[in-house]
């Protein structure tokens, strides 16, 4: 059997990183500096969640009752660890490492359970690899991959980051950032007019065609992408492929969000 072809987007190298800093404050009685430091780090992450996925240091310091300098030290270390990321809209949001750490829970989540049968049907219809991803600060994170039935299928690793501008799903994520507003200039090239966002060659001779799953407020819940050899997509994705992709995203929306397509 021929070697398996891969089209993986690998997260940054996991180099040795500094430990969480405790800051200049004295530890609370009965708590070591390390324990107190971890507690503050969790408070910082909770603060990002409480602020719809985006927060500025001065706002977070005020909410937590801490000095801006102390919050900044923790934020910088969390940034080094990949647990937070700088947002293009100013402030901080969740980082790739935090999303990767949550992949086990996400793989078993309702979204994946709902999407999988629809992805399998789409795979069978177009005979190409189908992936499910969710928006992240710097792209779209892969939660599930249904490989094509070819002898040497394209495979995309779970927790890979699909990064714009090369990735259609990454561009969709950037355009539909939940809680972060819209970028001044749209990164989209073909959606919604064409019915899908696509890139004929994202690298290694493979292209991608993606469409979002949108909720009733027009926020992107997920993206479904078809990964195929560039030769199968040129000169542009076939209308039948785009229609099959639309049926897949509509089916997921109807079941997951509860809206009739």
C-alpha atoms as a PDB file:
ATOM      1  CA  UNK A   1       0.000   0.000   0.000  1.00  0.00           C
ATOM      2  CA  UNK A   2       1.287   3.480  -0.853  1.00  0.00           C
ATOM      3  CA  UNK A   3       2.235   5.814   2.007  1.00  0.00           C
ATOM      4  CA  UNK A   4      -0.609   7.870   3.388  1.00  0.00           C
ATOM      5  CA  UNK A   5      -0.759  11.406   2.088  1.00  0.00           C
ATOM      6  CA  UNK A   6      -1.175  14.039   4.763  1.00  0.00           C
ATOM      7  CA  UNK A   7      -2.309  17.643   4.801  1.00  0.00           C
ATOM      8  CA  UNK A   8      -1.634  18.589   8.387  1.00  0.00           C
ATOM      9  CA  UNK A   9      -1.379  21.991   9.961  1.00  0.00           C
ATOM     10  CA  UNK A  10       0.909  21.540  12.958  1.00  0.00           C
ATOM     11  CA  UNK A  11       0.679  23.934  15.927  1.00  0.00           C
ATOM     12  CA  UNK A  12       3.793  25.816  17.037  1.00  0.00           C
ATOM     13  CA  UNK A  13       6.705  23.781  18.377  1.00  0.00           C
ATOM     14  CA  UNK A  14       6.263  22.802  21.998  1.00  0.00           C
ATOM     15  CA  UNK A  15       9.501  24.256  23.307  1.00  0.00           C
ATOM     16  CA  UNK A  16      10.390  24.563  26.960  1.00  0.00           C
ATOM     17  CA  UNK A  17       8.522  27.515  28.402  1.00  0.00           C
ATOM     18  CA  UNK A  18       8.722  29.469  31.655  1.00  0.00           C
ATOM     19  CA  UNK A  19       6.574  28.641  34.643  1.00  0.00           C
ATOM     20  CA  UNK A  20       3.620  30.774  35.688  1.00  0.00           C
ATOM     21  CA  UNK A  21       4.849  33.816  37.564  1.00  0.00           C
ATOM     22  CA  UNK A  22       3.427  34.678  40.944  1.00  0.00           C
ATOM     23  CA  UNK A  23       3.908  38.419  40.596  1.00  0.00           C
ATOM     24  CA  UNK A  24       5.062  40.707  43.337  1.00  0.00           C
ATOM     25  CA  UNK A  25       2.183  40.114  45.740  1.00  0.00           C
ATOM     26  CA  UNK A  26       2.791  38.126  48.886  1.00  0.00           C
ATOM     27  CA  UNK A  27       1.155  34.673  48.884  1.00  0.00           C
ATOM     28  CA  UNK A  28      -1.957  34.204  50.958  1.00  0.00           C
ATOM     29  CA  UNK A  29      -1.595  32.442  54.277  1.00  0.00           C
ATOM     30  CA  UNK A  30      -1.444  28.672  53.871  1.00  0.00           C
ATOM     31  CA  UNK A  31      -0.838  28.885  50.110  1.00  0.00           C
ATOM     32  CA  UNK A  32       2.468  28.509  48.309  1.00  0.00           C
ATOM     33  CA  UNK A  33       3.385  31.096  45.643  1.00  0.00           C
ATOM     34  CA  UNK A  34       2.926  28.421  42.982  1.00  0.00           C
ATOM     35  CA  UNK A  35      -0.612  27.547  44.084  1.00  0.00           C
ATOM     36  CA  UNK A  36      -1.591  31.199  44.286  1.00  0.00           C
ATOM     37  CA  UNK A  37      -0.042  31.816  40.869  1.00  0.00           C
ATOM     38  CA  UNK A  38      -2.087  29.023  39.284  1.00  0.00           C
ATOM     39  CA  UNK A  39      -5.243  30.415  40.882  1.00  0.00           C
ATOM     40  CA  UNK A  40      -4.551  33.823  39.364  1.00  0.00           C
ATOM     41  CA  UNK A  41      -3.914  32.244  35.962  1.00  0.00           C
ATOM     42  CA  UNK A  42      -7.304  30.518  36.134  1.00  0.00           C
ATOM     43  CA  UNK A  43      -8.926  33.831  37.145  1.00  0.00           C
ATOM     44  CA  UNK A  44      -7.353  35.450  34.075  1.00  0.00           C
ATOM     45  CA  UNK A  45      -8.728  32.724  31.791  1.00  0.00           C
ATOM     46  CA  UNK A  46     -12.138  32.980  33.461  1.00  0.00           C
ATOM     47  CA  UNK A  47     -12.001  36.720  32.876  1.00  0.00           C
ATOM     48  CA  UNK A  48     -11.482  36.191  29.133  1.00  0.00           C
ATOM     49  CA  UNK A  49     -14.470  33.848  29.068  1.00  0.00           C
ATOM     50  CA  UNK A  50     -16.619  36.293  31.061  1.00  0.00           C
ATOM     51  CA  UNK A  51     -15.794  39.008  28.507  1.00  0.00           C
ATOM     52  CA  UNK A  52     -16.997  37.030  25.482  1.00  0.00           C
ATOM     53  CA  UNK A  53     -13.542  35.786  24.542  1.00  0.00           C
ATOM     54  CA  UNK A  54     -11.750  39.159  24.432  1.00  0.00           C
ATOM     55  CA  UNK A  55     -10.444  41.393  27.214  1.00  0.00           C
ATOM     56  CA  UNK A  56      -7.885  44.167  27.699  1.00  0.00           C
ATOM     57  CA  UNK A  57      -5.396  44.015  30.557  1.00  0.00           C
ATOM     58  CA  UNK A  58      -6.605  47.208  32.235  1.00  0.00           C
ATOM     59  CA  UNK A  59     -10.224  46.009  32.144  1.00  0.00           C
ATOM     60  CA  UNK A  60      -9.266  42.615  33.556  1.00  0.00           C
ATOM     61  CA  UNK A  61      -7.124  44.157  36.292  1.00  0.00           C
ATOM     62  CA  UNK A  62     -10.065  46.293  37.384  1.00  0.00           C
ATOM     63  CA  UNK A  63     -12.442  43.309  37.372  1.00  0.00           C
ATOM     64  CA  UNK A  64     -10.036  41.138  39.378  1.00  0.00           C
ATOM     65  CA  UNK A  65      -8.994  43.877  41.784  1.00  0.00           C
ATOM     66  CA  UNK A  66      -5.313  43.473  40.861  1.00  0.00           C
ATOM     67  CA  UNK A  67      -2.668  45.845  39.582  1.00  0.00           C
ATOM     68  CA  UNK A  68      -2.260  46.141  35.838  1.00  0.00           C
ATOM     69  CA  UNK A  69       1.409  45.152  36.187  1.00  0.00           C
ATOM     70  CA  UNK A  70       0.551  41.908  37.952  1.00  0.00           C
ATOM     71  CA  UNK A  71      -2.103  40.923  35.415  1.00  0.00           C
ATOM     72  CA  UNK A  72       0.318  41.806  32.595  1.00  0.00           C
ATOM     73  CA  UNK A  73       2.966  39.455  34.010  1.00  0.00           C
ATOM     74  CA  UNK A  74       0.512  36.572  34.157  1.00  0.00           C
ATOM     75  CA  UNK A  75      -0.865  37.379  30.724  1.00  0.00           C
ATOM     76  CA  UNK A  76       2.626  37.393  29.204  1.00  0.00           C
ATOM     77  CA  UNK A  77       3.409  33.963  30.654  1.00  0.00           C
ATOM     78  CA  UNK A  78       0.065  32.573  29.477  1.00  0.00           C
ATOM     79  CA  UNK A  79       0.874  34.036  26.059  1.00  0.00           C
ATOM     80  CA  UNK A  80       4.245  32.241  26.039  1.00  0.00           C
ATOM     81  CA  UNK A  81       2.467  29.002  26.936  1.00  0.00           C
ATOM     82  CA  UNK A  82      -0.029  29.385  24.107  1.00  0.00           C
ATOM     83  CA  UNK A  83      -2.953  29.587  26.542  1.00  0.00           C
ATOM     84  CA  UNK A  84      -3.861  33.099  25.430  1.00  0.00           C
ATOM     85  CA  UNK A  85      -3.250  34.996  22.202  1.00  0.00           C
ATOM     86  CA  UNK A  86      -3.163  38.643  21.193  1.00  0.00           C
ATOM     87  CA  UNK A  87      -6.232  39.643  19.257  1.00  0.00           C
ATOM     88  CA  UNK A  88      -6.041  41.817  16.123  1.00  0.00           C
ATOM     89  CA  UNK A  89      -8.859  43.830  17.735  1.00  0.00           C
ATOM     90  CA  UNK A  90      -6.675  44.747  20.778  1.00  0.00           C
ATOM     91  CA  UNK A  91      -6.629  42.752  23.966  1.00  0.00           C
ATOM     92  CA  UNK A  92      -6.271  39.032  24.610  1.00  0.00           C
ATOM     93  CA  UNK A  93      -8.289  35.967  23.712  1.00  0.00           C
ATOM     94  CA  UNK A  94      -7.883  32.198  24.090  1.00  0.00           C
ATOM     95  CA  UNK A  95      -4.757  30.640  22.570  1.00  0.00           C
ATOM     96  CA  UNK A  96      -4.145  27.540  20.450  1.00  0.00           C
ATOM     97  CA  UNK A  97      -2.757  25.502  23.350  1.00  0.00           C
ATOM     98  CA  UNK A  98      -5.881  25.966  25.437  1.00  0.00           C
ATOM     99  CA  UNK A  99      -8.003  24.824  22.509  1.00  0.00           C
ATOM    100  CA  UNK A 100      -5.712  21.847  22.008  1.00  0.00           C
ATOM    101  CA  UNK A 101      -5.980  20.873  25.671  1.00  0.00           C
ATOM    102  CA  UNK A 102      -9.745  20.861  25.348  1.00  0.00           C
ATOM    103  CA  UNK A 103      -9.812  18.670  22.246  1.00  0.00           C
ATOM    104  CA  UNK A 104     -10.625  15.449  24.106  1.00  0.00           C
ATOM    105  CA  UNK A 105     -13.776  16.988  25.562  1.00  0.00           C
ATOM    106  CA  UNK A 106     -14.614  18.644  22.262  1.00  0.00           C
ATOM    107  CA  UNK A 107     -14.266  15.376  20.358  1.00  0.00           C
ATOM    108  CA  UNK A 108     -16.994  13.917  22.537  1.00  0.00           C
ATOM    109  CA  UNK A 109     -19.155  17.035  22.467  1.00  0.00           C
ATOM    110  CA  UNK A 110     -22.614  17.329  21.052  1.00  0.00           C
ATOM    111  CA  UNK A 111     -21.353  19.281  18.047  1.00  0.00           C
ATOM    112  CA  UNK A 112     -19.064  16.470  16.903  1.00  0.00           C
ATOM    113  CA  UNK A 113     -21.715  13.837  17.600  1.00  0.00           C
ATOM    114  CA  UNK A 114     -24.239  15.777  15.532  1.00  0.00           C
ATOM    115  CA  UNK A 115     -21.853  16.633  12.705  1.00  0.00           C
ATOM    116  CA  UNK A 116     -20.256  13.221  12.165  1.00  0.00           C
ATOM    117  CA  UNK A 117     -23.180  11.502  10.336  1.00  0.00           C
ATOM    118  CA  UNK A 118     -23.604  14.527   8.075  1.00  0.00           C
ATOM    119  CA  UNK A 119     -19.856  14.545   7.373  1.00  0.00           C
ATOM    120  CA  UNK A 120     -19.920  10.855   6.476  1.00  0.00           C
ATOM    121  CA  UNK A 121     -22.781  11.432   4.036  1.00  0.00           C
ATOM    122  CA  UNK A 122     -20.902  14.330   2.463  1.00  0.00           C
ATOM    123  CA  UNK A 123     -17.732  12.224   2.217  1.00  0.00           C
ATOM    124  CA  UNK A 124     -19.650   9.432   0.513  1.00  0.00           C
ATOM    125  CA  UNK A 125     -21.268  11.883  -1.904  1.00  0.00           C
ATOM    126  CA  UNK A 126     -18.108  13.734  -3.012  1.00  0.00           C
ATOM    127  CA  UNK A 127     -15.514  11.019  -2.198  1.00  0.00           C
ATOM    128  CA  UNK A 128     -13.191  13.523  -0.536  1.00  0.00           C
ATOM    129  CA  UNK A 129     -11.964  14.083   3.013  1.00  0.00           C
ATOM    130  CA  UNK A 130     -14.311  16.205   5.155  1.00  0.00           C
ATOM    131  CA  UNK A 131     -13.282  18.100   8.286  1.00  0.00           C
ATOM    132  CA  UNK A 132     -15.109  19.929  11.071  1.00  0.00           C
ATOM    133  CA  UNK A 133     -13.479  22.941  12.696  1.00  0.00           C
ATOM    134  CA  UNK A 134     -14.471  25.682  15.136  1.00  0.00           C
ATOM    135  CA  UNK A 135     -13.440  29.349  15.259  1.00  0.00           C
ATOM    136  CA  UNK A 136     -10.337  30.375  17.188  1.00  0.00           C
ATOM    137  CA  UNK A 137      -8.497  33.664  17.544  1.00  0.00           C
ATOM    138  CA  UNK A 138      -5.952  32.875  14.852  1.00  0.00           C
ATOM    139  CA  UNK A 139      -7.888  30.550  12.577  1.00  0.00           C
ATOM    140  CA  UNK A 140     -10.065  27.480  12.918  1.00  0.00           C
ATOM    141  CA  UNK A 141      -9.290  24.412  15.057  1.00  0.00           C
ATOM    142  CA  UNK A 142     -10.006  20.938  13.664  1.00  0.00           C
ATOM    143  CA  UNK A 143     -12.326  18.820  15.824  1.00  0.00           C
ATOM    144  CA  UNK A 144     -13.088  15.909  13.506  1.00  0.00           C
ATOM    145  CA  UNK A 145     -11.883  14.420  10.237  1.00  0.00           C
ATOM    146  CA  UNK A 146     -13.716  11.911   8.026  1.00  0.00           C
ATOM    147  CA  UNK A 147     -11.220  10.588   5.505  1.00  0.00           C
ATOM    148  CA  UNK A 148     -12.040   9.782   1.912  1.00  0.00           C
ATOM    149  CA  UNK A 149     -12.238   6.134   0.896  1.00  0.00           C
ATOM    150  CA  UNK A 150      -9.232   6.377  -1.417  1.00  0.00           C
ATOM    151  CA  UNK A 151      -6.296   4.053  -0.867  1.00  0.00           C
ATOM    152  CA  UNK A 152      -4.173   7.071   0.055  1.00  0.00           C
ATOM    153  CA  UNK A 153      -6.651   9.481   1.660  1.00  0.00           C
ATOM    154  CA  UNK A 154      -5.876  12.997   2.758  1.00  0.00           C
ATOM    155  CA  UNK A 155      -5.925  13.222   6.544  1.00  0.00           C
ATOM    156  CA  UNK A 156      -5.973  16.292   8.771  1.00  0.00           C
ATOM    157  CA  UNK A 157      -4.880  15.891  12.366  1.00  0.00           C
ATOM    158  CA  UNK A 158      -7.334  16.668  15.176  1.00  0.00           C
ATOM    159  CA  UNK A 159      -6.466  19.985  16.907  1.00  0.00           C
ATOM    160  CA  UNK A 160      -4.612  21.273  13.832  1.00  0.00           C
ATOM    161  CA  UNK A 161      -4.969  25.014  13.331  1.00  0.00           C
ATOM    162  CA  UNK A 162      -6.322  26.055   9.926  1.00  0.00           C
ATOM    163  CA  UNK A 163      -4.694  29.429   9.466  1.00  0.00           C
ATOM    164  CA  UNK A 164      -5.738  32.263   7.152  1.00  0.00           C
ATOM    165  CA  UNK A 165      -5.142  33.395   4.495  1.00  0.00           C
ATOM    166  CA  UNK A 166      -4.305  29.980   2.995  1.00  0.00           C
ATOM    167  CA  UNK A 167      -7.156  28.120   4.693  1.00  0.00           C
ATOM    168  CA  UNK A 168     -10.760  28.838   3.608  1.00  0.00           C
ATOM    169  CA  UNK A 169     -12.045  27.764   7.040  1.00  0.00           C
ATOM    170  CA  UNK A 170      -9.462  30.047   8.645  1.00  0.00           C
ATOM    171  CA  UNK A 171     -10.687  32.970   6.568  1.00  0.00           C
ATOM    172  CA  UNK A 172     -14.288  32.233   7.552  1.00  0.00           C
ATOM    173  CA  UNK A 173     -13.261  32.135  11.210  1.00  0.00           C
ATOM    174  CA  UNK A 174     -11.560  35.515  10.901  1.00  0.00           C
ATOM    175  CA  UNK A 175     -14.634  37.007   9.230  1.00  0.00           C
ATOM    176  CA  UNK A 176     -17.021  35.614  11.866  1.00  0.00           C
ATOM    177  CA  UNK A 177     -15.034  36.178  15.062  1.00  0.00           C
ATOM    178  CA  UNK A 178     -17.570  35.667  17.902  1.00  0.00           C
ATOM    179  CA  UNK A 179     -17.555  38.617  20.273  1.00  0.00           C
ATOM    180  CA  UNK A 180     -14.664  40.282  18.456  1.00  0.00           C
ATOM    181  CA  UNK A 181     -16.542  42.180  15.783  1.00  0.00           C
ATOM    182  CA  UNK A 182     -15.649  42.063  12.105  1.00  0.00           C
ATOM    183  CA  UNK A 183     -12.288  42.923  10.565  1.00  0.00           C
ATOM    184  CA  UNK A 184     -12.132  46.251   8.734  1.00  0.00           C
ATOM    185  CA  UNK A 185     -11.440  44.477   5.452  1.00  0.00           C
ATOM    186  CA  UNK A 186     -13.121  41.146   4.803  1.00  0.00           C
ATOM    187  CA  UNK A 187     -10.664  38.255   4.322  1.00  0.00           C
ATOM    188  CA  UNK A 188     -13.240  36.346   2.264  1.00  0.00           C
ATOM    189  CA  UNK A 189     -12.741  35.831  -1.459  1.00  0.00           C
ATOM    190  CA  UNK A 190     -15.808  33.847  -2.552  1.00  0.00           C
ATOM    191  CA  UNK A 191     -18.326  33.541   0.318  1.00  0.00           C
ATOM    192  CA  UNK A 192     -21.256  34.104   0.323  1.00  0.00           C
ATOM    193  CA  UNK A 193     -21.740  34.835  -3.373  1.00  0.00           C
ATOM    194  CA  UNK A 194     -20.273  31.555  -4.605  1.00  0.00           C
ATOM    195  CA  UNK A 195     -21.922  29.510  -1.864  1.00  0.00           C
ATOM    196  CA  UNK A 196     -18.581  28.502  -0.324  1.00  0.00           C
ATOM    197  CA  UNK A 197     -15.135  29.858   0.466  1.00  0.00           C
ATOM    198  CA  UNK A 198     -12.382  28.017  -1.392  1.00  0.00           C
ATOM    199  CA  UNK A 199      -8.672  27.894  -2.146  1.00  0.00           C
ATOM    200  CA  UNK A 200      -7.507  25.860  -5.120  1.00  0.00           C
ATOM    201  CA  UNK A 201      -4.104  25.133  -3.594  1.00  0.00           C
ATOM    202  CA  UNK A 202      -3.480  25.482   0.133  1.00  0.00           C
ATOM    203  CA  UNK A 203      -0.143  23.705  -0.209  1.00  0.00           C
ATOM    204  CA  UNK A 204       1.251  20.279  -1.215  1.00  0.00           C
ATOM    205  CA  UNK A 205      -1.108  20.092  -4.179  1.00  0.00           C
ATOM    206  CA  UNK A 206      -4.324  20.112  -2.153  1.00  0.00           C
ATOM    207  CA  UNK A 207      -7.126  22.651  -2.003  1.00  0.00           C
ATOM    208  CA  UNK A 208     -10.058  23.291   0.285  1.00  0.00           C
ATOM    209  CA  UNK A 209     -13.716  24.272   0.023  1.00  0.00           C
ATOM    210  CA  UNK A 210     -15.430  25.444   3.215  1.00  0.00           C
ATOM    211  CA  UNK A 211     -18.797  26.734   4.364  1.00  0.00           C
ATOM    212  CA  UNK A 212     -19.830  27.997   7.810  1.00  0.00           C
ATOM    213  CA  UNK A 213     -22.494  26.688  10.146  1.00  0.00           C
ATOM    214  CA  UNK A 214     -24.140  29.901  11.350  1.00  0.00           C
ATOM    215  CA  UNK A 215     -26.467  30.349  14.286  1.00  0.00           C
ATOM    216  CA  UNK A 216     -29.589  32.514  14.284  1.00  0.00           C
ATOM    217  CA  UNK A 217     -27.487  35.599  15.103  1.00  0.00           C
ATOM    218  CA  UNK A 218     -25.200  34.991  12.127  1.00  0.00           C
ATOM    219  CA  UNK A 219     -22.310  33.889  14.358  1.00  0.00           C
ATOM    220  CA  UNK A 220     -20.142  31.065  13.083  1.00  0.00           C
ATOM    221  CA  UNK A 221     -20.520  27.936  15.207  1.00  0.00           C
ATOM    222  CA  UNK A 222     -18.324  25.741  13.027  1.00  0.00           C
ATOM    223  CA  UNK A 223     -17.042  25.228   9.513  1.00  0.00           C
ATOM    224  CA  UNK A 224     -17.252  22.175   7.295  1.00  0.00           C
ATOM    225  CA  UNK A 225     -14.432  21.813   4.797  1.00  0.00           C
ATOM    226  CA  UNK A 226     -13.814  19.480   1.887  1.00  0.00           C
ATOM    227  CA  UNK A 227     -10.115  18.777   1.306  1.00  0.00           C
ATOM    228  CA  UNK A 228      -9.281  17.525  -2.173  1.00  0.00           C
ATOM    229  CA  UNK A 229      -6.428  17.393  -4.692  1.00  0.00           C
ATOM    230  CA  UNK A 230      -6.131  20.728  -6.463  1.00  0.00           C
ATOM    231  CA  UNK A 231      -6.710  18.984  -9.800  1.00  0.00           C
ATOM    232  CA  UNK A 232     -10.168  17.922  -8.594  1.00  0.00           C
ATOM    233  CA  UNK A 233     -11.148  21.522  -7.828  1.00  0.00           C
ATOM    234  CA  UNK A 234      -9.840  23.417 -10.861  1.00  0.00           C
ATOM    235  CA  UNK A 235     -10.842  25.686 -12.483  1.00  0.00           C
ATOM    236  CA  UNK A 236     -13.297  26.145  -9.617  1.00  0.00           C
ATOM    237  CA  UNK A 237     -15.227  23.778  -7.331  1.00  0.00           C
ATOM    238  CA  UNK A 238     -18.112  22.056  -9.121  1.00  0.00           C
ATOM    239  CA  UNK A 239     -21.635  23.268  -8.420  1.00  0.00           C
ATOM    240  CA  UNK A 240     -22.607  19.757  -7.306  1.00  0.00           C
ATOM    241  CA  UNK A 241     -19.818  19.757  -4.690  1.00  0.00           C
ATOM    242  CA  UNK A 242     -20.860  23.174  -3.365  1.00  0.00           C
ATOM    243  CA  UNK A 243     -24.501  22.044  -3.220  1.00  0.00           C
ATOM    244  CA  UNK A 244     -23.541  18.901  -1.277  1.00  0.00           C
ATOM    245  CA  UNK A 245     -21.542  21.040   1.151  1.00  0.00           C
ATOM    246  CA  UNK A 246     -24.547  23.341   1.631  1.00  0.00           C
ATOM    247  CA  UNK A 247     -26.798  20.380   2.438  1.00  0.00           C
ATOM    248  CA  UNK A 248     -24.270  19.181   5.019  1.00  0.00           C
ATOM    249  CA  UNK A 249     -24.014  22.533   6.837  1.00  0.00           C
ATOM    250  CA  UNK A 250     -27.802  23.018   6.711  1.00  0.00           C
ATOM    251  CA  UNK A 251     -28.344  19.560   8.198  1.00  0.00           C
ATOM    252  CA  UNK A 252     -25.891  20.248  11.033  1.00  0.00           C
ATOM    253  CA  UNK A 253     -27.509  23.600  11.743  1.00  0.00           C
ATOM    254  CA  UNK A 254     -31.004  22.104  11.795  1.00  0.00           C
ATOM    255  CA  UNK A 255     -30.009  19.393  14.259  1.00  0.00           C
ATOM    256  CA  UNK A 256     -27.481  21.262  16.407  1.00  0.00           C
ATOM    257  CA  UNK A 257     -29.113  24.686  16.581  1.00  0.00           C
ATOM    258  CA  UNK A 258     -32.669  23.525  16.080  1.00  0.00           C
ATOM    259  CA  UNK A 259     -33.466  25.647  13.044  1.00  0.00           C
ATOM    260  CA  UNK A 260     -35.157  24.093  10.049  1.00  0.00           C
ATOM    261  CA  UNK A 261     -32.918  24.565   7.001  1.00  0.00           C
END
